[in-house]
Amino acid sequence: MQDKRVDAYIAKQKSPQKEVCIALRKIILDTYPEITEEMKWGVPSYGNGTYYFVALKTHVNLGFSIKGLSKEQIALFQGTGKTMRIIEINSVNEIEPQKIVTLLHLIKKTL
């Protein structure tokens, strides 16, 4: 179910971040229609903080909880966080929906 606060967050973003956020939200909600969408840490968050995205000045980060992942699985992501890792997306053209769905499923298996 879509959260109106997430609608407002996306609406205030500039291009191309706005379009990236819209696309990522659609992928997440299409993959898991029952997932909880909320604003957490000031950004759109899904599955009680399992996934999130944040629009930054030049790109959007799609974040994933890495709890329970192997070192090889963690290497699929960018960043050095101890509990969350990201993939950085600069434009809608960079979005690989199947790759994102695969990563969403990988994380869901560890929950």
Protein backbone atom coordinates (compact mmCIF):
# COMPACT_ATOMS: atom_id res chain seq x y z
CA MET A 1 0.00 0.00 0.00
CA GLN A 2 1.38 3.38 -0.99
CA ASP A 3 2.13 5.94 1.71
CA LYS A 4 1.15 9.55 0.96
CA ARG A 5 4.34 10.75 2.67
CA VAL A 6 6.36 8.80 0.10
CA ASP A 7 4.28 10.45 -2.65
CA ALA A 8 5.27 13.84 -1.19
CA TYR A 9 8.95 12.85 -0.90
CA ILE A 10 9.09 11.80 -4.55
CA ALA A 11 7.12 14.86 -5.74
CA LYS A 12 9.70 17.26 -4.30
CA GLN A 13 12.69 15.62 -6.04
CA LYS A 14 14.32 17.10 -9.15
CA SER A 15 15.00 15.24 -12.39
CA PRO A 16 16.48 12.71 -12.93
CA GLN A 17 16.23 11.63 -9.28
CA LYS A 18 12.43 11.92 -9.30
CA GLU A 19 12.09 9.49 -12.22
CA VAL A 20 14.56 7.07 -10.64
CA CYS A 21 12.59 7.12 -7.36
CA ILE A 22 9.32 6.48 -9.21
CA ALA A 23 10.85 3.53 -11.08
CA LEU A 24 12.41 2.00 -7.95
CA ARG A 25 9.18 2.34 -6.00
CA LYS A 26 7.30 0.58 -8.79
CA ILE A 27 9.81 -2.28 -8.91
CA ILE A 28 9.65 -2.79 -5.13
CA LEU A 29 5.84 -2.62 -4.94
CA ASP A 30 5.37 -4.82 -8.03
CA THR A 31 7.77 -7.40 -6.56
CA TYR A 32 6.18 -7.36 -3.09
CA PRO A 33 2.63 -5.92 -3.30
CA GLU A 34 2.05 -6.68 0.40
CA ILE A 35 5.21 -4.91 1.64
CA THR A 36 4.89 -2.06 4.14
CA GLU A 37 5.86 1.32 2.67
CA GLU A 38 6.68 4.10 5.12
CA MET A 39 8.95 7.06 5.73
CA LYS A 40 11.80 5.99 8.00
CA TRP A 41 15.03 7.91 8.63
CA GLY A 42 13.48 10.66 6.46
CA VAL A 43 13.41 8.49 3.32
CA PRO A 44 11.05 5.94 1.73
CA SER A 45 11.54 2.60 3.47
CA TYR A 46 10.11 -0.86 2.82
CA GLY A 47 9.69 -3.98 4.90
CA ASN A 48 10.50 -2.30 8.22
CA GLY A 49 13.80 -0.91 6.94
CA THR A 50 14.84 -3.90 4.82
CA TYR A 51 15.02 -1.70 1.70
CA TYR A 52 15.07 2.06 1.19
CA PHE A 53 15.89 4.64 -1.42
CA VAL A 54 17.24 8.14 -0.99
CA ALA A 55 17.52 10.89 -3.59
CA LEU A 56 20.86 12.64 -3.34
CA LYS A 57 22.31 15.61 -5.23
CA THR A 58 23.55 13.64 -8.25
CA HIS A 59 22.00 10.17 -7.91
CA VAL A 60 19.70 7.85 -5.97
CA ASN A 61 20.89 5.15 -3.59
CA LEU A 62 18.84 1.99 -3.27
CA GLY A 63 19.73 0.48 0.09
CA PHE A 64 19.45 -3.09 1.28
CA SER A 65 19.82 -4.74 4.68
CA ILE A 66 22.78 -7.14 4.47
CA LYS A 67 21.91 -9.08 7.62
CA GLY A 68 22.59 -12.76 7.10
CA LEU A 69 24.37 -12.41 3.75
CA SER A 70 27.64 -14.12 2.89
CA LYS A 71 30.74 -12.11 1.93
CA GLU A 72 30.15 -13.09 -1.70
CA GLN A 73 26.57 -11.83 -1.56
CA ILE A 74 27.60 -8.59 0.17
CA ALA A 75 30.09 -8.02 -2.66
CA LEU A 76 27.11 -7.55 -5.03
CA PHE A 77 26.50 -4.15 -3.38
CA GLN A 78 28.39 -0.88 -3.08
CA GLY A 79 29.43 0.84 0.12
CA THR A 80 31.04 -0.19 3.37
CA GLY A 81 28.11 -0.14 5.81
CA LYS A 82 27.98 -2.82 8.49
CA THR A 83 24.22 -3.36 8.29
CA MET A 84 23.15 -1.74 4.99
CA ARG A 85 24.69 -1.57 1.51
CA ILE A 86 23.56 0.22 -1.62
CA ILE A 87 23.48 0.32 -5.35
CA GLU A 88 23.93 3.79 -6.83
CA ILE A 89 21.70 4.83 -9.72
CA ASN A 90 22.35 7.99 -11.72
CA SER A 91 19.50 7.82 -14.24
CA VAL A 92 16.47 5.76 -15.23
CA ASN A 93 18.53 4.32 -18.10
CA GLU A 94 20.87 2.69 -15.55
CA ILE A 95 18.06 0.78 -13.83
CA GLU A 96 18.24 -2.96 -14.47
CA PRO A 97 14.85 -4.16 -13.21
CA GLN A 98 15.72 -7.87 -13.23
CA LYS A 99 18.94 -7.25 -11.30
CA ILE A 100 17.05 -5.22 -8.71
CA VAL A 101 14.35 -7.90 -8.37
CA THR A 102 17.08 -10.54 -7.92
CA LEU A 103 18.67 -8.46 -5.14
CA LEU A 104 15.27 -7.87 -3.50
CA HIS A 105 14.66 -11.63 -3.46
CA LEU A 106 18.18 -12.32 -2.13
CA ILE A 107 17.58 -10.04 0.85
CA LYS A 108 14.05 -11.36 1.50
CA LYS A 109 15.42 -14.92 1.83
CA THR A 110 17.64 -13.87 4.72
CA LEU A 111 14.85 -12.28 6.79
